[in-house]
N, C-alpha and C. Protein backbone atom coordinates (compact mmCIF):
# COMPACT_ATOMS: atom_id res chain seq x y z
N MET A 1 -8.05 -11.25 -21.01
CA MET A 1 -9.19 -11.44 -20.14
C MET A 1 -9.56 -10.10 -19.52
N THR A 2 -10.81 -9.78 -19.45
CA THR A 2 -11.30 -8.55 -18.85
C THR A 2 -11.86 -8.85 -17.48
N MET A 3 -11.37 -8.15 -16.47
CA MET A 3 -11.90 -8.31 -15.12
C MET A 3 -12.98 -7.27 -14.91
N ASP A 4 -14.10 -7.68 -14.36
CA ASP A 4 -15.20 -6.76 -14.14
C ASP A 4 -15.13 -6.06 -12.79
N GLY A 5 -14.24 -6.43 -11.94
CA GLY A 5 -14.10 -5.79 -10.64
C GLY A 5 -13.62 -6.80 -9.62
N PRO A 6 -13.13 -6.31 -8.48
CA PRO A 6 -12.53 -7.20 -7.50
C PRO A 6 -13.50 -8.19 -6.89
N ASP A 7 -14.79 -7.90 -6.84
CA ASP A 7 -15.74 -8.82 -6.24
C ASP A 7 -16.49 -9.62 -7.28
N SER A 8 -16.17 -9.42 -8.53
CA SER A 8 -16.90 -10.07 -9.61
C SER A 8 -16.44 -11.50 -9.79
N ASN A 9 -17.34 -12.37 -10.14
CA ASN A 9 -16.98 -13.74 -10.46
C ASN A 9 -17.22 -14.01 -11.94
N THR A 10 -17.10 -12.95 -12.74
CA THR A 10 -17.29 -13.10 -14.18
C THR A 10 -16.11 -12.50 -14.91
N ARG A 11 -16.00 -12.83 -16.16
CA ARG A 11 -14.99 -12.24 -17.03
C ARG A 11 -15.61 -12.11 -18.41
N GLY A 12 -15.04 -11.27 -19.22
CA GLY A 12 -15.55 -11.12 -20.57
C GLY A 12 -15.22 -12.33 -21.41
N ASN A 13 -16.11 -12.68 -22.34
CA ASN A 13 -15.83 -13.83 -23.20
C ASN A 13 -15.46 -13.39 -24.61
N GLY A 14 -15.19 -12.09 -24.75
CA GLY A 14 -14.79 -11.59 -26.06
C GLY A 14 -15.97 -11.20 -26.92
N GLU A 15 -17.16 -11.51 -26.48
CA GLU A 15 -18.35 -11.18 -27.26
C GLU A 15 -19.26 -10.25 -26.49
N GLY A 16 -18.74 -9.62 -25.42
CA GLY A 16 -19.50 -8.66 -24.66
C GLY A 16 -20.32 -9.25 -23.53
N ALA A 17 -20.48 -10.57 -23.50
CA ALA A 17 -21.26 -11.19 -22.43
C ALA A 17 -20.32 -11.79 -21.39
N PRO A 18 -20.66 -11.67 -20.11
CA PRO A 18 -19.80 -12.26 -19.10
C PRO A 18 -19.88 -13.77 -19.12
N GLU A 19 -18.81 -14.37 -18.70
CA GLU A 19 -18.69 -15.82 -18.64
C GLU A 19 -18.36 -16.18 -17.19
N GLU A 20 -18.95 -17.18 -16.63
CA GLU A 20 -18.66 -17.56 -15.25
C GLU A 20 -17.25 -18.10 -15.14
N ARG A 21 -16.55 -17.71 -14.07
CA ARG A 21 -15.24 -18.27 -13.76
C ARG A 21 -15.43 -19.59 -13.03
N PRO A 22 -14.44 -20.45 -13.07
CA PRO A 22 -14.49 -21.66 -12.25
C PRO A 22 -14.57 -21.27 -10.78
N ALA A 23 -15.04 -22.17 -9.94
CA ALA A 23 -15.16 -21.92 -8.50
C ALA A 23 -13.84 -21.42 -7.95
N GLY A 24 -13.90 -20.42 -7.10
CA GLY A 24 -12.69 -19.87 -6.50
C GLY A 24 -12.02 -18.84 -7.36
N GLY A 25 -12.44 -18.66 -8.58
CA GLY A 25 -11.92 -17.59 -9.41
C GLY A 25 -10.69 -17.93 -10.22
N ALA A 26 -10.11 -19.10 -10.08
CA ALA A 26 -8.89 -19.41 -10.80
C ALA A 26 -9.21 -19.96 -12.19
N GLU A 27 -8.42 -19.52 -13.15
CA GLU A 27 -8.53 -20.11 -14.48
C GLU A 27 -7.78 -21.44 -14.46
N THR A 28 -8.24 -22.39 -15.22
CA THR A 28 -7.58 -23.69 -15.25
C THR A 28 -7.12 -24.00 -16.66
N GLY A 29 -6.45 -25.13 -16.80
CA GLY A 29 -5.96 -25.55 -18.10
C GLY A 29 -7.07 -25.65 -19.13
N ALA A 30 -8.28 -26.01 -18.72
CA ALA A 30 -9.40 -26.12 -19.66
C ALA A 30 -9.71 -24.76 -20.27
N ASP A 31 -9.45 -23.68 -19.51
CA ASP A 31 -9.73 -22.33 -20.00
C ASP A 31 -8.61 -21.81 -20.89
N THR A 32 -7.38 -22.18 -20.56
CA THR A 32 -6.23 -21.52 -21.17
C THR A 32 -5.33 -22.43 -21.97
N GLY A 33 -5.48 -23.74 -21.84
CA GLY A 33 -4.55 -24.66 -22.48
C GLY A 33 -3.32 -24.91 -21.64
N ILE A 34 -3.29 -24.37 -20.42
CA ILE A 34 -2.18 -24.56 -19.51
C ILE A 34 -2.66 -25.45 -18.39
N ASP A 35 -1.83 -26.39 -17.94
CA ASP A 35 -2.26 -27.35 -16.93
C ASP A 35 -2.40 -26.77 -15.53
N GLU A 36 -1.65 -25.71 -15.19
CA GLU A 36 -1.71 -25.15 -13.85
C GLU A 36 -2.56 -23.89 -13.85
N PRO A 37 -3.15 -23.55 -12.70
CA PRO A 37 -3.91 -22.29 -12.62
C PRO A 37 -3.00 -21.10 -12.90
N ILE A 38 -3.53 -20.12 -13.59
CA ILE A 38 -2.80 -18.88 -13.85
C ILE A 38 -2.94 -17.95 -12.66
N ILE A 39 -4.13 -17.88 -12.11
CA ILE A 39 -4.41 -16.99 -10.99
C ILE A 39 -4.77 -17.86 -9.79
N PRO A 40 -3.98 -17.81 -8.73
CA PRO A 40 -4.33 -18.61 -7.56
C PRO A 40 -5.69 -18.18 -7.01
N ASP A 41 -6.40 -19.13 -6.40
CA ASP A 41 -7.71 -18.82 -5.84
C ASP A 41 -7.65 -17.63 -4.90
N SER A 42 -6.61 -17.51 -4.10
CA SER A 42 -6.53 -16.43 -3.13
C SER A 42 -6.37 -15.07 -3.78
N ALA A 43 -6.02 -15.02 -5.05
CA ALA A 43 -5.77 -13.75 -5.70
C ALA A 43 -6.86 -13.36 -6.68
N ALA A 44 -7.92 -14.12 -6.76
CA ALA A 44 -8.96 -13.86 -7.75
C ALA A 44 -9.45 -12.43 -7.66
N GLY A 45 -9.34 -11.72 -8.74
CA GLY A 45 -9.90 -10.38 -8.84
C GLY A 45 -9.04 -9.26 -8.31
N LEU A 46 -7.94 -9.54 -7.62
CA LEU A 46 -7.11 -8.48 -7.08
C LEU A 46 -5.94 -8.24 -8.02
N VAL A 47 -5.78 -7.02 -8.45
CA VAL A 47 -4.71 -6.69 -9.38
C VAL A 47 -3.88 -5.56 -8.81
N HIS A 48 -2.60 -5.81 -8.60
CA HIS A 48 -1.69 -4.77 -8.14
C HIS A 48 -1.39 -3.89 -9.34
N PRO A 49 -1.25 -2.58 -9.15
CA PRO A 49 -1.07 -1.67 -10.29
C PRO A 49 0.07 -2.03 -11.22
N TYR A 50 1.18 -2.61 -10.73
CA TYR A 50 2.25 -2.96 -11.65
C TYR A 50 2.84 -4.33 -11.38
N LEU A 51 2.34 -5.05 -10.40
CA LEU A 51 2.83 -6.39 -10.17
C LEU A 51 1.84 -7.45 -10.61
N GLY A 52 0.67 -7.05 -11.03
CA GLY A 52 -0.32 -8.01 -11.49
C GLY A 52 -1.14 -8.55 -10.34
N PHE A 53 -1.54 -9.81 -10.44
CA PHE A 53 -2.41 -10.41 -9.44
C PHE A 53 -1.65 -10.65 -8.16
N MET A 54 -2.34 -10.44 -7.01
CA MET A 54 -1.69 -10.62 -5.72
C MET A 54 -2.66 -11.25 -4.74
N GLY A 55 -2.15 -11.72 -3.63
CA GLY A 55 -2.97 -12.35 -2.61
C GLY A 55 -3.91 -11.36 -1.97
N ALA A 56 -5.03 -11.85 -1.49
CA ALA A 56 -6.03 -11.01 -0.86
C ALA A 56 -5.66 -10.73 0.58
N GLY A 57 -5.78 -9.48 0.96
CA GLY A 57 -5.64 -9.09 2.35
C GLY A 57 -6.96 -8.50 2.80
N ALA A 58 -7.09 -8.31 4.08
CA ALA A 58 -8.31 -7.69 4.58
C ALA A 58 -8.27 -6.21 4.21
N ALA A 59 -9.33 -5.70 3.63
CA ALA A 59 -9.37 -4.29 3.24
C ALA A 59 -9.35 -3.43 4.50
N ALA A 60 -8.49 -2.43 4.52
CA ALA A 60 -8.39 -1.52 5.64
C ALA A 60 -9.39 -0.38 5.44
N GLU A 61 -9.95 0.09 6.53
CA GLU A 61 -10.96 1.13 6.45
C GLU A 61 -10.34 2.52 6.42
N GLU A 62 -11.00 3.42 5.72
CA GLU A 62 -10.65 4.84 5.71
C GLU A 62 -10.60 5.34 7.14
N GLY A 63 -9.55 6.07 7.47
CA GLY A 63 -9.43 6.66 8.81
C GLY A 63 -8.78 5.77 9.84
N THR A 64 -8.41 4.54 9.47
CA THR A 64 -7.70 3.67 10.40
C THR A 64 -6.46 4.39 10.89
N GLN A 65 -6.20 4.34 12.20
CA GLN A 65 -5.03 5.02 12.75
C GLN A 65 -4.10 4.06 13.46
N ALA A 66 -2.82 4.38 13.43
CA ALA A 66 -1.80 3.67 14.18
C ALA A 66 -1.01 4.72 14.95
N ILE A 67 -0.69 4.43 16.20
CA ILE A 67 0.01 5.39 17.06
C ILE A 67 1.20 4.70 17.70
N ALA A 68 2.31 5.43 17.77
CA ALA A 68 3.52 4.91 18.42
C ALA A 68 4.26 6.06 19.08
N GLY A 69 5.12 5.73 20.02
CA GLY A 69 5.97 6.73 20.65
C GLY A 69 5.41 7.27 21.95
N GLU A 70 6.19 8.14 22.54
CA GLU A 70 5.85 8.81 23.80
C GLU A 70 6.12 10.30 23.66
N PRO A 71 5.38 11.14 24.40
CA PRO A 71 5.66 12.58 24.33
C PRO A 71 7.11 12.86 24.70
N LEU A 72 7.70 13.84 24.02
CA LEU A 72 9.08 14.24 24.32
C LEU A 72 9.14 14.99 25.64
N GLU A 73 10.25 14.85 26.32
CA GLU A 73 10.51 15.63 27.53
C GLU A 73 10.72 17.09 27.13
N ASP A 74 10.39 18.00 28.02
CA ASP A 74 10.63 19.43 27.75
C ASP A 74 12.12 19.65 27.48
N GLY A 75 12.40 20.48 26.48
CA GLY A 75 13.77 20.84 26.14
C GLY A 75 14.44 19.92 25.14
N VAL A 76 13.81 18.80 24.79
CA VAL A 76 14.39 17.90 23.80
C VAL A 76 14.18 18.51 22.42
N PRO A 77 15.27 18.64 21.63
CA PRO A 77 15.11 19.22 20.29
C PRO A 77 14.20 18.37 19.40
N VAL A 78 13.38 19.05 18.61
CA VAL A 78 12.46 18.38 17.69
C VAL A 78 13.20 17.94 16.44
N ALA A 79 12.83 16.80 15.92
CA ALA A 79 13.45 16.25 14.71
C ALA A 79 13.33 17.21 13.53
N THR A 80 14.32 17.17 12.67
CA THR A 80 14.27 17.97 11.44
C THR A 80 13.37 17.26 10.43
N PRO A 81 12.84 18.00 9.45
CA PRO A 81 12.06 17.34 8.40
C PRO A 81 12.86 16.26 7.67
N GLU A 82 14.16 16.48 7.50
CA GLU A 82 15.00 15.48 6.82
C GLU A 82 15.10 14.19 7.62
N ALA A 83 15.17 14.31 8.94
CA ALA A 83 15.25 13.12 9.79
C ALA A 83 13.94 12.32 9.72
N VAL A 84 12.82 13.03 9.74
CA VAL A 84 11.52 12.35 9.66
C VAL A 84 11.38 11.69 8.29
N GLU A 85 11.80 12.38 7.24
CA GLU A 85 11.75 11.79 5.89
C GLU A 85 12.60 10.53 5.83
N ALA A 86 13.77 10.55 6.46
CA ALA A 86 14.63 9.35 6.48
C ALA A 86 13.92 8.21 7.20
N GLY A 87 13.19 8.51 8.26
CA GLY A 87 12.41 7.48 8.95
C GLY A 87 11.35 6.88 8.04
N LEU A 88 10.67 7.73 7.29
CA LEU A 88 9.65 7.26 6.34
C LEU A 88 10.28 6.41 5.24
N ARG A 89 11.46 6.81 4.78
CA ARG A 89 12.14 6.07 3.71
C ARG A 89 12.66 4.71 4.18
N SER A 90 12.67 4.48 5.48
CA SER A 90 13.15 3.19 6.00
C SER A 90 12.08 2.10 5.93
N VAL A 91 10.84 2.46 5.56
CA VAL A 91 9.75 1.49 5.50
C VAL A 91 9.51 1.12 4.04
N TYR A 92 9.48 -0.18 3.78
CA TYR A 92 9.30 -0.68 2.41
C TYR A 92 8.01 -1.49 2.32
N ASP A 93 7.35 -1.37 1.17
CA ASP A 93 6.26 -2.27 0.84
C ASP A 93 6.92 -3.62 0.60
N PRO A 94 6.48 -4.69 1.28
CA PRO A 94 7.18 -5.97 1.14
C PRO A 94 7.10 -6.59 -0.25
N GLU A 95 6.19 -6.12 -1.10
CA GLU A 95 6.06 -6.69 -2.44
C GLU A 95 6.78 -5.86 -3.49
N ILE A 96 7.29 -4.69 -3.10
CA ILE A 96 7.88 -3.77 -4.06
C ILE A 96 9.22 -3.30 -3.49
N PRO A 97 10.29 -3.36 -4.24
CA PRO A 97 11.60 -2.98 -3.71
C PRO A 97 11.84 -1.47 -3.66
N VAL A 98 10.84 -0.72 -3.22
CA VAL A 98 10.92 0.74 -3.14
C VAL A 98 10.29 1.15 -1.82
N ASN A 99 10.87 2.18 -1.18
CA ASN A 99 10.31 2.63 0.10
C ASN A 99 8.99 3.36 -0.10
N ILE A 100 8.21 3.44 0.96
CA ILE A 100 6.86 4.01 0.87
C ILE A 100 6.86 5.49 0.52
N TYR A 101 7.92 6.20 0.91
CA TYR A 101 8.01 7.64 0.60
C TYR A 101 8.14 7.84 -0.91
N ASP A 102 9.07 7.11 -1.52
CA ASP A 102 9.27 7.24 -2.96
C ASP A 102 8.13 6.63 -3.77
N LEU A 103 7.40 5.67 -3.17
CA LEU A 103 6.22 5.14 -3.86
C LEU A 103 5.09 6.16 -3.92
N GLY A 104 5.19 7.22 -3.13
CA GLY A 104 4.14 8.23 -3.11
C GLY A 104 2.99 7.88 -2.19
N LEU A 105 3.25 7.02 -1.21
CA LEU A 105 2.19 6.60 -0.29
C LEU A 105 1.99 7.58 0.86
N ILE A 106 2.92 8.49 1.06
CA ILE A 106 2.80 9.48 2.14
C ILE A 106 2.23 10.76 1.53
N TYR A 107 1.02 11.10 1.96
CA TYR A 107 0.35 12.29 1.43
C TYR A 107 0.68 13.54 2.25
N ARG A 108 0.91 13.37 3.55
CA ARG A 108 1.19 14.53 4.40
C ARG A 108 1.94 14.06 5.62
N CYS A 109 2.90 14.87 6.09
CA CYS A 109 3.62 14.59 7.32
C CYS A 109 3.93 15.91 7.99
N ASP A 110 3.29 16.16 9.12
CA ASP A 110 3.49 17.39 9.88
C ASP A 110 4.07 17.04 11.24
N VAL A 111 5.06 17.80 11.67
CA VAL A 111 5.63 17.64 13.00
C VAL A 111 5.43 18.95 13.73
N ASP A 112 4.76 18.89 14.90
CA ASP A 112 4.49 20.13 15.63
C ASP A 112 5.68 20.49 16.53
N ASP A 113 5.56 21.60 17.25
CA ASP A 113 6.67 22.09 18.07
C ASP A 113 6.94 21.21 19.30
N ARG A 114 6.11 20.25 19.59
CA ARG A 114 6.35 19.28 20.67
C ARG A 114 7.00 18.01 20.13
N GLY A 115 7.20 17.92 18.80
CA GLY A 115 7.82 16.76 18.19
C GLY A 115 6.84 15.66 17.80
N ASP A 116 5.54 15.93 17.98
CA ASP A 116 4.54 14.93 17.59
C ASP A 116 4.32 14.97 16.08
N ALA A 117 4.29 13.81 15.46
CA ALA A 117 4.15 13.72 14.00
C ALA A 117 2.73 13.26 13.65
N ASP A 118 2.14 13.92 12.69
CA ASP A 118 0.81 13.56 12.18
C ASP A 118 0.99 13.24 10.70
N ILE A 119 0.75 11.99 10.35
CA ILE A 119 1.04 11.50 9.00
C ILE A 119 -0.24 10.97 8.36
N GLU A 120 -0.46 11.35 7.12
CA GLU A 120 -1.58 10.79 6.35
C GLU A 120 -0.96 10.00 5.21
N MET A 121 -1.41 8.75 5.07
CA MET A 121 -0.84 7.89 4.04
C MET A 121 -1.92 7.06 3.38
N THR A 122 -1.54 6.45 2.27
CA THR A 122 -2.41 5.51 1.58
C THR A 122 -1.62 4.25 1.31
N LEU A 123 -2.22 3.30 0.66
CA LEU A 123 -1.56 2.09 0.20
C LEU A 123 -1.85 1.92 -1.28
N THR A 124 -1.16 1.01 -1.92
CA THR A 124 -1.37 0.85 -3.36
C THR A 124 -2.76 0.32 -3.69
N ALA A 125 -3.38 -0.38 -2.74
CA ALA A 125 -4.73 -0.92 -2.95
C ALA A 125 -5.37 -1.17 -1.59
N PRO A 126 -6.69 -0.96 -1.45
CA PRO A 126 -7.35 -1.18 -0.16
C PRO A 126 -7.20 -2.60 0.37
N ALA A 127 -7.12 -3.59 -0.49
CA ALA A 127 -6.97 -4.98 -0.04
C ALA A 127 -5.51 -5.41 -0.06
N CYS A 128 -4.60 -4.46 0.00
CA CYS A 128 -3.17 -4.76 0.05
C CYS A 128 -2.93 -5.75 1.20
N PRO A 129 -2.12 -6.78 0.98
CA PRO A 129 -1.90 -7.78 2.03
C PRO A 129 -1.36 -7.21 3.34
N VAL A 130 -0.71 -6.05 3.31
CA VAL A 130 -0.17 -5.45 4.53
C VAL A 130 -1.01 -4.27 5.03
N ALA A 131 -2.23 -4.16 4.55
CA ALA A 131 -3.08 -3.02 4.91
C ALA A 131 -3.25 -2.87 6.41
N GLY A 132 -3.33 -3.97 7.13
CA GLY A 132 -3.51 -3.89 8.57
C GLY A 132 -2.22 -3.65 9.34
N GLU A 133 -1.08 -3.83 8.68
CA GLU A 133 0.22 -3.73 9.34
C GLU A 133 1.01 -2.47 8.97
N MET A 134 0.90 -2.04 7.75
CA MET A 134 1.75 -0.96 7.25
C MET A 134 1.63 0.34 8.05
N PRO A 135 0.43 0.83 8.38
CA PRO A 135 0.37 2.07 9.16
C PRO A 135 1.13 1.97 10.49
N GLN A 136 1.06 0.83 11.16
CA GLN A 136 1.79 0.68 12.43
C GLN A 136 3.29 0.65 12.18
N GLN A 137 3.72 0.03 11.09
CA GLN A 137 5.15 0.03 10.76
C GLN A 137 5.64 1.46 10.54
N VAL A 138 4.83 2.27 9.87
CA VAL A 138 5.20 3.66 9.62
C VAL A 138 5.24 4.43 10.93
N ALA A 139 4.22 4.27 11.77
CA ALA A 139 4.20 4.96 13.07
C ALA A 139 5.43 4.58 13.90
N ASP A 140 5.76 3.29 13.95
CA ASP A 140 6.92 2.84 14.71
C ASP A 140 8.22 3.43 14.16
N ALA A 141 8.37 3.45 12.85
CA ALA A 141 9.59 3.98 12.23
C ALA A 141 9.76 5.46 12.52
N VAL A 142 8.69 6.22 12.39
CA VAL A 142 8.79 7.67 12.64
C VAL A 142 8.98 7.95 14.12
N ALA A 143 8.27 7.23 14.99
CA ALA A 143 8.45 7.42 16.43
C ALA A 143 9.87 7.07 16.87
N GLY A 144 10.55 6.23 16.12
CA GLY A 144 11.92 5.86 16.43
C GLY A 144 12.96 6.90 16.04
N VAL A 145 12.53 7.93 15.33
CA VAL A 145 13.45 8.99 14.92
C VAL A 145 13.72 9.89 16.13
N GLU A 146 14.99 10.19 16.39
CA GLU A 146 15.34 11.06 17.49
C GLU A 146 14.68 12.43 17.30
N GLY A 147 13.98 12.88 18.33
CA GLY A 147 13.30 14.18 18.27
C GLY A 147 11.84 14.08 17.86
N VAL A 148 11.33 12.87 17.71
CA VAL A 148 9.90 12.67 17.44
C VAL A 148 9.28 12.09 18.70
N GLY A 149 8.14 12.65 19.09
CA GLY A 149 7.41 12.13 20.24
C GLY A 149 6.41 11.09 19.79
N VAL A 150 5.14 11.47 19.78
CA VAL A 150 4.08 10.56 19.37
C VAL A 150 3.88 10.67 17.86
N ALA A 151 3.86 9.54 17.18
CA ALA A 151 3.61 9.51 15.73
C ALA A 151 2.23 8.90 15.51
N THR A 152 1.36 9.65 14.83
CA THR A 152 0.02 9.17 14.51
C THR A 152 -0.09 9.07 13.00
N VAL A 153 -0.43 7.87 12.51
CA VAL A 153 -0.56 7.62 11.08
C VAL A 153 -2.04 7.35 10.80
N THR A 154 -2.59 8.09 9.85
CA THR A 154 -3.99 7.91 9.45
C THR A 154 -4.02 7.42 8.01
N LEU A 155 -4.77 6.36 7.78
CA LEU A 155 -4.90 5.77 6.45
C LEU A 155 -6.05 6.43 5.69
N THR A 156 -5.79 6.79 4.45
CA THR A 156 -6.83 7.38 3.60
C THR A 156 -6.81 6.71 2.24
N TRP A 157 -7.95 6.76 1.58
CA TRP A 157 -8.06 6.23 0.21
C TRP A 157 -8.37 7.35 -0.77
N ASP A 158 -8.34 8.59 -0.29
CA ASP A 158 -8.69 9.73 -1.13
C ASP A 158 -7.55 10.73 -1.13
N PRO A 159 -6.90 10.94 -2.24
CA PRO A 159 -7.17 10.33 -3.54
C PRO A 159 -6.57 8.93 -3.60
N PRO A 160 -7.12 8.10 -4.47
CA PRO A 160 -6.55 6.76 -4.63
C PRO A 160 -5.11 6.85 -5.16
N TRP A 161 -4.27 5.94 -4.71
CA TRP A 161 -2.89 5.92 -5.19
C TRP A 161 -2.85 5.55 -6.67
N ARG A 162 -1.93 6.20 -7.38
CA ARG A 162 -1.69 5.90 -8.79
C ARG A 162 -0.18 5.84 -9.02
N PRO A 163 0.28 5.07 -9.98
CA PRO A 163 1.72 4.98 -10.23
C PRO A 163 2.37 6.33 -10.53
N GLU A 164 1.61 7.29 -11.02
CA GLU A 164 2.17 8.61 -11.31
C GLU A 164 2.62 9.34 -10.05
N MET A 165 2.21 8.86 -8.88
CA MET A 165 2.58 9.49 -7.61
C MET A 165 3.98 9.11 -7.16
N MET A 166 4.59 8.13 -7.83
CA MET A 166 5.93 7.70 -7.46
C MET A 166 6.97 8.74 -7.85
N SER A 167 8.07 8.75 -7.09
CA SER A 167 9.19 9.62 -7.43
C SER A 167 9.88 9.08 -8.68
N GLU A 168 10.70 9.90 -9.28
CA GLU A 168 11.47 9.46 -10.45
C GLU A 168 12.38 8.29 -10.09
N ASP A 169 12.97 8.33 -8.88
CA ASP A 169 13.82 7.23 -8.43
C ASP A 169 13.04 5.92 -8.37
N ALA A 170 11.81 5.97 -7.85
CA ALA A 170 10.99 4.76 -7.76
C ALA A 170 10.65 4.23 -9.14
N LYS A 171 10.31 5.12 -10.04
CA LYS A 171 9.98 4.68 -11.41
C LYS A 171 11.18 4.02 -12.07
N MET A 172 12.37 4.58 -11.85
CA MET A 172 13.57 3.98 -12.44
C MET A 172 13.87 2.63 -11.80
N ALA A 173 13.69 2.52 -10.48
CA ALA A 173 13.95 1.25 -9.79
C ALA A 173 13.01 0.14 -10.26
N LEU A 174 11.80 0.53 -10.68
CA LEU A 174 10.81 -0.45 -11.13
C LEU A 174 10.76 -0.56 -12.66
N ASP A 175 11.72 0.06 -13.34
CA ASP A 175 11.78 0.02 -14.80
C ASP A 175 10.47 0.45 -15.45
N LEU A 176 9.93 1.55 -14.96
CA LEU A 176 8.67 2.06 -15.51
C LEU A 176 8.89 3.17 -16.54
N TYR A 177 10.08 3.22 -17.10
CA TYR A 177 10.35 4.19 -18.16
C TYR A 177 10.46 3.50 -19.48
């Protein structure tokens, strides 16, 4: 089956012309010879890069920010890059058994001399079911690292996430070799 896009209610019929999907977007036994729907109505048109169809979440907007933590007191040592990376690695995408750092969702993480962290991240898809929650989870995790003051996480869609952005460890964990 060819999907024409996440908002499309058509599919290819093998002859180049689109064919209307049943109401709600789910295929039924009449379409496939299977008695149960293959694609739940809530997942119509959404395809996770390696998990297939997934539930619809509210699309998060470019530039959405999440903030956590408090400014550090004067004289408090600033966290090391390794400590901040460990904080990032403690956050997992709930649908994928790999942390967000190894998934390649963190595009930039800067910690200034006051211990404030500025993080730019993406998600696997704009309509990811955790799009509204994940940036705050990341901000909370990084702000919880000793030596980090205020953690600001900014969501971006540029460049779009691709499976090639994953670490070798993530690819091995997901059997992508």
